[in-house]
């Protein structure tokens, strides 16, 4: 069973499609500040607090172009995290989980 030491920490998947280089750099900055790990060019995942994730949304939403840009933030409970499947390039979910003090039992 996957548990975190801090009950306010959850797993998140953040994906974006942003046309502006400047806004993309801001997205990367806030994802990293939230403790997320980049798994693809526009996809970050990992454990974080709801407040940090909300900060990503609050900072980026006013900068997004409604006709071309998108930001998707999905929370993942322990079951969803365990069932998450990745094909192709190997993704070490255990290493990502450890970044925020998660423990597998």
Protein backbone atom coordinates (compact mmCIF):
# COMPACT_ATOMS: atom_id res chain seq x y z
CA UNK A 1 0.00 0.00 0.00
CA UNK A 2 1.29 3.47 -0.87
CA UNK A 3 1.15 6.02 1.91
CA UNK A 4 2.63 9.43 2.42
CA UNK A 5 4.01 10.68 5.72
CA UNK A 6 1.99 13.88 5.43
CA UNK A 7 -1.76 13.42 4.92
CA UNK A 8 -1.99 16.69 3.00
CA UNK A 9 0.31 15.32 0.29
CA UNK A 10 -1.22 13.58 -2.71
CA UNK A 11 0.00 12.46 -6.10
CA UNK A 12 -0.69 14.63 -9.12
CA UNK A 13 -0.32 14.48 -12.87
CA UNK A 14 0.08 17.88 -14.53
CA UNK A 15 -0.08 18.16 -18.32
CA UNK A 16 -0.05 21.27 -20.44
CA UNK A 17 -0.11 22.39 -24.04
CA UNK A 18 1.10 25.98 -24.04
CA UNK A 19 2.06 27.98 -27.13
CA UNK A 20 4.10 30.72 -25.43
CA UNK A 21 7.71 29.93 -24.52
CA UNK A 22 7.53 32.36 -21.59
CA UNK A 23 4.39 30.75 -20.17
CA UNK A 24 5.88 27.26 -20.64
CA UNK A 25 8.96 28.33 -18.63
CA UNK A 26 6.65 29.59 -15.87
CA UNK A 27 4.76 26.27 -15.92
CA UNK A 28 8.03 24.36 -15.56
CA UNK A 29 9.14 26.61 -12.70
CA UNK A 30 5.93 26.13 -10.70
CA UNK A 31 5.81 22.38 -11.33
CA UNK A 32 9.36 22.02 -10.03
CA UNK A 33 8.62 24.27 -7.05
CA UNK A 34 5.70 21.96 -6.23
CA UNK A 35 8.15 19.05 -6.13
CA UNK A 36 6.93 17.41 -9.31
CA UNK A 37 9.21 15.49 -11.68
CA UNK A 38 9.20 15.98 -15.43
CA UNK A 39 8.29 12.72 -17.17
CA UNK A 40 7.76 14.17 -20.66
CA UNK A 41 8.25 17.60 -22.20
CA UNK A 42 4.86 18.85 -21.01
CA UNK A 43 4.01 16.32 -18.29
CA UNK A 44 4.99 16.43 -14.63
CA UNK A 45 4.06 14.04 -11.84
CA UNK A 46 4.78 13.39 -8.20
CA UNK A 47 3.62 14.03 -4.67
CA UNK A 48 2.73 17.53 -3.55
CA UNK A 49 0.32 19.48 -1.41
CA UNK A 50 -2.98 20.77 -2.72
CA UNK A 51 -1.81 24.34 -2.02
CA UNK A 52 1.27 23.95 -4.24
CA UNK A 53 -0.83 22.47 -7.03
CA UNK A 54 -3.40 25.24 -6.69
CA UNK A 55 -0.56 27.74 -7.02
CA UNK A 56 0.32 26.22 -10.42
CA UNK A 57 -3.25 26.72 -11.58
CA UNK A 58 -3.55 30.22 -10.10
CA UNK A 59 -0.31 31.42 -11.70
CA UNK A 60 -0.88 29.87 -15.12
CA UNK A 61 -4.62 30.32 -15.72
CA UNK A 62 -4.41 34.09 -16.42
CA UNK A 63 -1.52 33.51 -18.86
CA UNK A 64 -3.16 30.81 -20.98
CA UNK A 65 -4.52 31.62 -24.42
CA UNK A 66 -8.09 30.18 -24.44
CA UNK A 67 -8.02 29.20 -28.12
CA UNK A 68 -4.65 27.42 -28.12
CA UNK A 69 -3.48 26.56 -24.59
CA UNK A 70 -4.57 24.04 -22.00
CA UNK A 71 -3.60 22.96 -18.50
CA UNK A 72 -4.78 19.68 -16.99
CA UNK A 73 -4.21 18.77 -13.34
CA UNK A 74 -5.29 15.34 -12.17
CA UNK A 75 -5.03 14.14 -8.59
CA UNK A 76 -4.11 10.47 -8.16
CA UNK A 77 -4.98 8.50 -5.05
CA UNK A 78 -2.74 5.62 -3.94
CA UNK A 79 -4.72 3.08 -5.99
CA UNK A 80 -4.55 5.18 -9.16
CA UNK A 81 -0.81 5.75 -8.60
CA UNK A 82 -0.19 1.99 -8.30
CA UNK A 83 -2.30 1.23 -11.40
CA UNK A 84 -0.70 3.93 -13.52
CA UNK A 85 0.95 2.22 -16.47
CA UNK A 86 3.74 3.57 -18.62
CA UNK A 87 4.87 2.05 -21.92
CA UNK A 88 8.12 2.76 -23.70
CA UNK A 89 10.75 4.71 -21.81
CA UNK A 90 11.03 3.39 -18.27
CA UNK A 91 9.61 5.58 -15.52
CA UNK A 92 10.75 4.84 -11.97
CA UNK A 93 7.59 5.55 -9.96
CA UNK A 94 9.33 4.51 -6.75
CA UNK A 95 12.03 7.17 -7.21
CA UNK A 96 9.37 9.78 -7.97
CA UNK A 97 7.38 8.75 -4.90
CA UNK A 98 10.45 9.07 -2.67
CA UNK A 99 10.91 12.70 -3.66
CA UNK A 100 8.17 13.69 -1.22
CA UNK A 101 8.59 11.06 1.46
CA UNK A 102 6.13 8.49 0.16
CA UNK A 103 6.58 4.93 1.35
CA UNK A 104 5.40 1.67 -0.19
CA UNK A 105 4.01 -0.89 2.29
